[in-house]
Amino acid sequence: MKKILSVSLILFLFLFGSVYAQSLSGEEKTSIQTVIHKMIQIDAVKIGSPAMEKIFAGTFYTVKLARKTPNGTTGMGKLLLAKVNDRFVEAEGTQTNRPMPNLKSTFRKKFRLNSQKDAELLQEALDRIYKITSSSDKEAKTILHKGDEWIFVRGKFFKKKKGFIFKVADGVITKIQYSLGIVIDG
């Protein structure tokens, strides 16, 4: 009974509170954005290499965000951005299993992943964008080719391999997936 009463009270407060919530005017939104912009410090570094120029249609940037406080700055996070033509996309991170359509959208249309040489060039580009920092991950780094998949092992996650899985059709990259549990069967 207490649970039902608690849930009902929370639901009532949520609904009742939203009745009095008001939209901000354009001027209020602009004022808040101006204040926030003054509070945030943005440091961007361009990432590049000859391998990246051959593979990617855009330019990559590492962007560090920090909040300016009276006592100094406090780190807020990092972004990996790519500018392709006139638009920016945030390239996906490698902290979890995920498809990587934004990263895929940065590739040159003419790049083909057909050979070990192509894969080594791609590995070199990945090394610039997604740095491997631990020595154990560097030891695990390898490239595997299985049918229509190219697997770029970038280290270990517990006892499993982690890295990029590129699906290709006639060398054209059709899908990029990042996995923390790559299964490599003999």
C-alpha atoms as a PDB file:
ATOM      1  CA  MET A   1       0.000   0.000   0.000  1.00  0.00           C
ATOM      2  CA  LYS A   2       2.882   2.367   0.837  1.00  0.00           C
ATOM      3  CA  LYS A   3       4.437   1.704  -2.573  1.00  0.00           C
ATOM      4  CA  ILE A   4       1.196   2.510  -4.377  1.00  0.00           C
ATOM      5  CA  LEU A   5       0.798   5.689  -2.323  1.00  0.00           C
ATOM      6  CA  SER A   6       4.415   6.721  -3.024  1.00  0.00           C
ATOM      7  CA  VAL A   7       4.103   6.109  -6.742  1.00  0.00           C
ATOM      8  CA  SER A   8       0.787   7.963  -6.835  1.00  0.00           C
ATOM      9  CA  LEU A   9       2.293  10.940  -4.985  1.00  0.00           C
ATOM     10  CA  ILE A  10       5.298  11.085  -7.323  1.00  0.00           C
ATOM     11  CA  LEU A  11       3.045  10.825 -10.362  1.00  0.00           C
ATOM     12  CA  PHE A  12       0.750  13.561  -8.991  1.00  0.00           C
ATOM     13  CA  LEU A  13       3.697  15.884  -8.287  1.00  0.00           C
ATOM     14  CA  PHE A  14       5.144  15.245 -11.724  1.00  0.00           C
ATOM     15  CA  LEU A  15       1.855  15.975 -13.466  1.00  0.00           C
ATOM     16  CA  PHE A  16       0.923  18.899 -11.204  1.00  0.00           C
ATOM     17  CA  GLY A  17       4.416  20.414 -11.527  1.00  0.00           C
ATOM     18  CA  SER A  18       4.344  20.185 -15.311  1.00  0.00           C
ATOM     19  CA  VAL A  19       1.065  22.163 -15.399  1.00  0.00           C
ATOM     20  CA  TYR A  20       2.958  25.183 -14.068  1.00  0.00           C
ATOM     21  CA  ALA A  21       6.064  24.686 -16.200  1.00  0.00           C
ATOM     22  CA  GLN A  22       6.350  27.358 -18.844  1.00  0.00           C
ATOM     23  CA  SER A  23       8.207  27.546 -22.113  1.00  0.00           C
ATOM     24  CA  LEU A  24      11.061  29.986 -22.347  1.00  0.00           C
ATOM     25  CA  SER A  25      10.878  32.930 -24.679  1.00  0.00           C
ATOM     26  CA  GLY A  26      13.422  33.239 -27.470  1.00  0.00           C
ATOM     27  CA  GLU A  27      15.151  36.020 -25.541  1.00  0.00           C
ATOM     28  CA  GLU A  28      15.385  33.857 -22.388  1.00  0.00           C
ATOM     29  CA  LYS A  29      16.840  30.947 -24.347  1.00  0.00           C
ATOM     30  CA  THR A  30      19.405  33.235 -26.007  1.00  0.00           C
ATOM     31  CA  SER A  31      20.376  34.779 -22.660  1.00  0.00           C
ATOM     32  CA  ILE A  32      20.862  31.365 -21.051  1.00  0.00           C
ATOM     33  CA  GLN A  33      22.905  30.141 -24.030  1.00  0.00           C
ATOM     34  CA  THR A  34      25.123  33.239 -23.761  1.00  0.00           C
ATOM     35  CA  VAL A  35      25.741  32.617 -20.041  1.00  0.00           C
ATOM     36  CA  ILE A  36      26.500  28.928 -20.657  1.00  0.00           C
ATOM     37  CA  HIS A  37      28.831  29.781 -23.550  1.00  0.00           C
ATOM     38  CA  LYS A  38      30.828  32.074 -21.238  1.00  0.00           C
ATOM     39  CA  MET A  39      31.072  29.278 -18.651  1.00  0.00           C
ATOM     40  CA  ILE A  40      32.417  26.628 -21.030  1.00  0.00           C
ATOM     41  CA  GLN A  41      35.999  26.407 -22.228  1.00  0.00           C
ATOM     42  CA  ILE A  42      36.480  24.548 -25.510  1.00  0.00           C
ATOM     43  CA  ASP A  43      39.879  23.273 -26.642  1.00  0.00           C
ATOM     44  CA  ALA A  44      39.983  21.601 -30.048  1.00  0.00           C
ATOM     45  CA  VAL A  45      42.901  19.803 -31.678  1.00  0.00           C
ATOM     46  CA  LYS A  46      42.932  18.744 -35.311  1.00  0.00           C
ATOM     47  CA  ILE A  47      43.857  15.086 -35.916  1.00  0.00           C
ATOM     48  CA  GLY A  48      45.494  14.205 -39.192  1.00  0.00           C
ATOM     49  CA  SER A  49      47.865  11.889 -41.014  1.00  0.00           C
ATOM     50  CA  PRO A  50      48.588  10.821 -44.602  1.00  0.00           C
ATOM     51  CA  ALA A  51      46.622   7.598 -43.963  1.00  0.00           C
ATOM     52  CA  MET A  52      43.604   9.561 -42.759  1.00  0.00           C
ATOM     53  CA  GLU A  53      43.675  11.774 -45.843  1.00  0.00           C
ATOM     54  CA  LYS A  54      43.488   8.687 -48.085  1.00  0.00           C
ATOM     55  CA  ILE A  55      40.594   7.139 -46.156  1.00  0.00           C
ATOM     56  CA  PHE A  56      38.406   9.898 -44.748  1.00  0.00           C
ATOM     57  CA  ALA A  57      36.461  12.579 -46.595  1.00  0.00           C
ATOM     58  CA  GLY A  58      36.620  14.943 -43.650  1.00  0.00           C
ATOM     59  CA  THR A  59      38.777  16.340 -40.898  1.00  0.00           C
ATOM     60  CA  PHE A  60      38.753  14.977 -37.343  1.00  0.00           C
ATOM     61  CA  TYR A  61      39.024  16.981 -34.140  1.00  0.00           C
ATOM     62  CA  THR A  62      39.400  16.048 -30.502  1.00  0.00           C
ATOM     63  CA  VAL A  63      37.412  18.559 -28.467  1.00  0.00           C
ATOM     64  CA  LYS A  64      37.863  18.917 -24.711  1.00  0.00           C
ATOM     65  CA  LEU A  65      35.155  20.682 -22.753  1.00  0.00           C
ATOM     66  CA  ALA A  66      35.717  22.289 -19.362  1.00  0.00           C
ATOM     67  CA  ARG A  67      33.547  24.453 -17.131  1.00  0.00           C
ATOM     68  CA  LYS A  68      35.100  27.712 -15.983  1.00  0.00           C
ATOM     69  CA  THR A  69      34.573  28.246 -12.274  1.00  0.00           C
ATOM     70  CA  PRO A  70      35.860  30.910  -9.892  1.00  0.00           C
ATOM     71  CA  ASN A  71      38.360  28.298  -8.617  1.00  0.00           C
ATOM     72  CA  GLY A  72      39.652  27.280 -12.051  1.00  0.00           C
ATOM     73  CA  THR A  73      38.272  24.817 -14.571  1.00  0.00           C
ATOM     74  CA  THR A  74      36.594  21.459 -14.144  1.00  0.00           C
ATOM     75  CA  GLY A  75      36.758  18.818 -16.876  1.00  0.00           C
ATOM     76  CA  MET A  76      33.431  17.935 -18.449  1.00  0.00           C
ATOM     77  CA  GLY A  77      34.372  15.531 -21.188  1.00  0.00           C
ATOM     78  CA  LYS A  78      35.801  14.901 -24.609  1.00  0.00           C
ATOM     79  CA  LEU A  79      34.208  14.741 -28.027  1.00  0.00           C
ATOM     80  CA  LEU A  80      35.461  13.279 -31.262  1.00  0.00           C
ATOM     81  CA  LEU A  81      34.114  15.410 -34.099  1.00  0.00           C
ATOM     82  CA  ALA A  82      34.519  15.054 -37.840  1.00  0.00           C
ATOM     83  CA  LYS A  83      33.752  17.756 -40.358  1.00  0.00           C
ATOM     84  CA  VAL A  84      32.590  16.330 -43.666  1.00  0.00           C
ATOM     85  CA  ASN A  85      31.776  18.977 -46.257  1.00  0.00           C
ATOM     86  CA  ASP A  86      29.919  21.653 -44.297  1.00  0.00           C
ATOM     87  CA  ARG A  87      28.562  19.531 -41.462  1.00  0.00           C
ATOM     88  CA  PHE A  88      29.983  18.206 -38.214  1.00  0.00           C
ATOM     89  CA  VAL A  89      29.252  14.706 -36.939  1.00  0.00           C
ATOM     90  CA  GLU A  90      30.216  13.252 -33.596  1.00  0.00           C
ATOM     91  CA  ALA A  91      32.107  10.026 -34.215  1.00  0.00           C
ATOM     92  CA  GLU A  92      31.008   7.294 -31.853  1.00  0.00           C
ATOM     93  CA  GLY A  93      33.140   6.337 -28.877  1.00  0.00           C
ATOM     94  CA  THR A  94      34.521   2.913 -28.060  1.00  0.00           C
ATOM     95  CA  GLN A  95      33.228   2.429 -24.518  1.00  0.00           C
ATOM     96  CA  THR A  96      30.465  -0.024 -25.409  1.00  0.00           C
ATOM     97  CA  ASN A  97      29.102  -2.334 -28.103  1.00  0.00           C
ATOM     98  CA  ARG A  98      27.565  -0.177 -30.784  1.00  0.00           C
ATOM     99  CA  PRO A  99      27.010   0.402 -34.475  1.00  0.00           C
ATOM    100  CA  MET A 100      29.075   3.300 -35.822  1.00  0.00           C
ATOM    101  CA  PRO A 101      27.096   4.978 -38.620  1.00  0.00           C
ATOM    102  CA  ASN A 102      28.623   8.417 -37.947  1.00  0.00           C
ATOM    103  CA  LEU A 103      32.150   7.053 -38.339  1.00  0.00           C
ATOM    104  CA  LYS A 104      31.042   5.235 -41.514  1.00  0.00           C
ATOM    105  CA  SER A 105      29.711   8.517 -42.937  1.00  0.00           C
ATOM    106  CA  THR A 106      33.213  10.039 -42.783  1.00  0.00           C
ATOM    107  CA  PHE A 107      34.827   7.592 -45.242  1.00  0.00           C
ATOM    108  CA  ARG A 108      35.723   8.606 -48.782  1.00  0.00           C
ATOM    109  CA  LYS A 109      33.318   7.063 -51.271  1.00  0.00           C
ATOM    110  CA  LYS A 110      36.231   5.685 -53.289  1.00  0.00           C
ATOM    111  CA  PHE A 111      37.979   3.923 -50.365  1.00  0.00           C
ATOM    112  CA  ARG A 112      37.855   0.136 -50.639  1.00  0.00           C
ATOM    113  CA  LEU A 113      38.808  -2.419 -48.006  1.00  0.00           C
ATOM    114  CA  ASN A 114      39.932  -5.297 -50.234  1.00  0.00           C
ATOM    115  CA  SER A 115      43.415  -6.272 -49.126  1.00  0.00           C
ATOM    116  CA  GLN A 116      45.762  -6.540 -46.190  1.00  0.00           C
ATOM    117  CA  LYS A 117      47.454  -3.375 -47.456  1.00  0.00           C
ATOM    118  CA  ASP A 118      44.109  -1.503 -47.330  1.00  0.00           C
ATOM    119  CA  ALA A 119      43.511  -2.871 -43.827  1.00  0.00           C
ATOM    120  CA  GLU A 120      46.939  -1.753 -42.610  1.00  0.00           C
ATOM    121  CA  LEU A 121      46.279   1.744 -43.965  1.00  0.00           C
ATOM    122  CA  LEU A 122      42.921   1.773 -42.153  1.00  0.00           C
ATOM    123  CA  GLN A 123      44.576   0.502 -38.954  1.00  0.00           C
ATOM    124  CA  GLU A 124      47.049   3.390 -39.164  1.00  0.00           C
ATOM    125  CA  ALA A 125      44.164   5.861 -39.485  1.00  0.00           C
ATOM    126  CA  LEU A 126      42.266   4.244 -36.598  1.00  0.00           C
ATOM    127  CA  ASP A 127      45.420   4.559 -34.479  1.00  0.00           C
ATOM    128  CA  ARG A 128      45.309   8.334 -34.932  1.00  0.00           C
ATOM    129  CA  ILE A 129      41.613   8.684 -34.088  1.00  0.00           C
ATOM    130  CA  TYR A 130      41.160   5.988 -31.468  1.00  0.00           C
ATOM    131  CA  LYS A 131      44.518   5.847 -29.719  1.00  0.00           C
ATOM    132  CA  ILE A 132      45.547   2.673 -27.954  1.00  0.00           C
ATOM    133  CA  THR A 133      47.199   3.680 -24.703  1.00  0.00           C
ATOM    134  CA  SER A 134      47.755   0.548 -22.614  1.00  0.00           C
ATOM    135  CA  SER A 135      50.623  -1.807 -23.369  1.00  0.00           C
ATOM    136  CA  SER A 136      48.400  -4.900 -23.006  1.00  0.00           C
ATOM    137  CA  ASP A 137      45.976  -3.489 -25.601  1.00  0.00           C
ATOM    138  CA  LYS A 138      48.896  -2.726 -27.930  1.00  0.00           C
ATOM    139  CA  GLU A 139      50.028  -6.357 -27.610  1.00  0.00           C
ATOM    140  CA  ALA A 140      46.543  -7.627 -28.524  1.00  0.00           C
ATOM    141  CA  LYS A 141      46.229  -5.349 -31.579  1.00  0.00           C
ATOM    142  CA  THR A 142      45.827  -7.287 -34.816  1.00  0.00           C
ATOM    143  CA  ILE A 143      43.860  -7.421 -38.065  1.00  0.00           C
ATOM    144  CA  LEU A 144      41.772 -10.462 -39.017  1.00  0.00           C
ATOM    145  CA  HIS A 145      39.872 -11.145 -42.225  1.00  0.00           C
ATOM    146  CA  LYS A 146      36.920 -13.574 -42.255  1.00  0.00           C
ATOM    147  CA  GLY A 147      34.709 -13.635 -45.348  1.00  0.00           C
ATOM    148  CA  ASP A 148      32.959 -10.282 -45.632  1.00  0.00           C
ATOM    149  CA  GLU A 149      34.358  -9.039 -42.291  1.00  0.00           C
ATOM    150  CA  TRP A 150      37.546  -7.241 -41.428  1.00  0.00           C
ATOM    151  CA  ILE A 151      38.192  -7.267 -37.689  1.00  0.00           C
ATOM    152  CA  PHE A 152      40.522  -4.721 -36.130  1.00  0.00           C
ATOM    153  CA  VAL A 153      41.315  -5.989 -32.651  1.00  0.00           C
ATOM    154  CA  ARG A 154      42.221  -2.979 -30.516  1.00  0.00           C
ATOM    155  CA  GLY A 155      42.814  -4.709 -27.187  1.00  0.00           C
ATOM    156  CA  LYS A 156      41.162  -6.842 -24.554  1.00  0.00           C
ATOM    157  CA  PHE A 157      38.063  -6.330 -22.442  1.00  0.00           C
ATOM    158  CA  PHE A 158      38.420  -8.701 -19.532  1.00  0.00           C
ATOM    159  CA  LYS A 159      39.236 -11.994 -21.316  1.00  0.00           C
ATOM    160  CA  LYS A 160      37.591 -11.117 -24.626  1.00  0.00           C
ATOM    161  CA  LYS A 161      38.900  -9.134 -27.582  1.00  0.00           C
ATOM    162  CA  LYS A 162      37.580  -5.659 -28.337  1.00  0.00           C
ATOM    163  CA  GLY A 163      37.672  -3.671 -31.530  1.00  0.00           C
ATOM    164  CA  PHE A 164      36.062  -2.711 -34.814  1.00  0.00           C
ATOM    165  CA  ILE A 165      34.208  -5.061 -37.132  1.00  0.00           C
ATOM    166  CA  PHE A 166      33.914  -3.772 -40.706  1.00  0.00           C
ATOM    167  CA  LYS A 167      31.412  -5.516 -42.980  1.00  0.00           C
ATOM    168  CA  VAL A 168      32.216  -5.133 -46.671  1.00  0.00           C
ATOM    169  CA  ALA A 169      30.661  -5.987 -50.017  1.00  0.00           C
ATOM    170  CA  ASP A 170      33.150  -5.936 -52.896  1.00  0.00           C
ATOM    171  CA  GLY A 171      35.437  -3.806 -50.715  1.00  0.00           C
ATOM    172  CA  VAL A 172      32.748  -1.212 -49.987  1.00  0.00           C
ATOM    173  CA  ILE A 173      32.214  -0.736 -46.263  1.00  0.00           C
ATOM    174  CA  THR A 174      28.548  -1.455 -45.555  1.00  0.00           C
ATOM    175  CA  LYS A 175      28.603  -1.435 -41.741  1.00  0.00           C
ATOM    176  CA  ILE A 176      30.944  -0.635 -38.865  1.00  0.00           C
ATOM    177  CA  GLN A 177      30.374  -2.113 -35.422  1.00  0.00           C
ATOM    178  CA  TYR A 178      32.432  -1.710 -32.254  1.00  0.00           C
ATOM    179  CA  SER A 179      32.449  -4.749 -29.981  1.00  0.00           C
ATOM    180  CA  LEU A 180      33.769  -5.429 -26.486  1.00  0.00           C
ATOM    181  CA  GLY A 181      33.313  -9.179 -27.038  1.00  0.00           C
ATOM    182  CA  ILE A 182      34.707 -10.205 -30.393  1.00  0.00           C
ATOM    183  CA  VAL A 183      34.395 -13.933 -30.943  1.00  0.00           C
ATOM    184  CA  ILE A 184      37.283 -15.336 -32.940  1.00  0.00           C
ATOM    185  CA  ASP A 185      36.661 -18.929 -33.901  1.00  0.00           C
ATOM    186  CA  GLY A 186      39.413 -20.907 -35.583  1.00  0.00           C
END
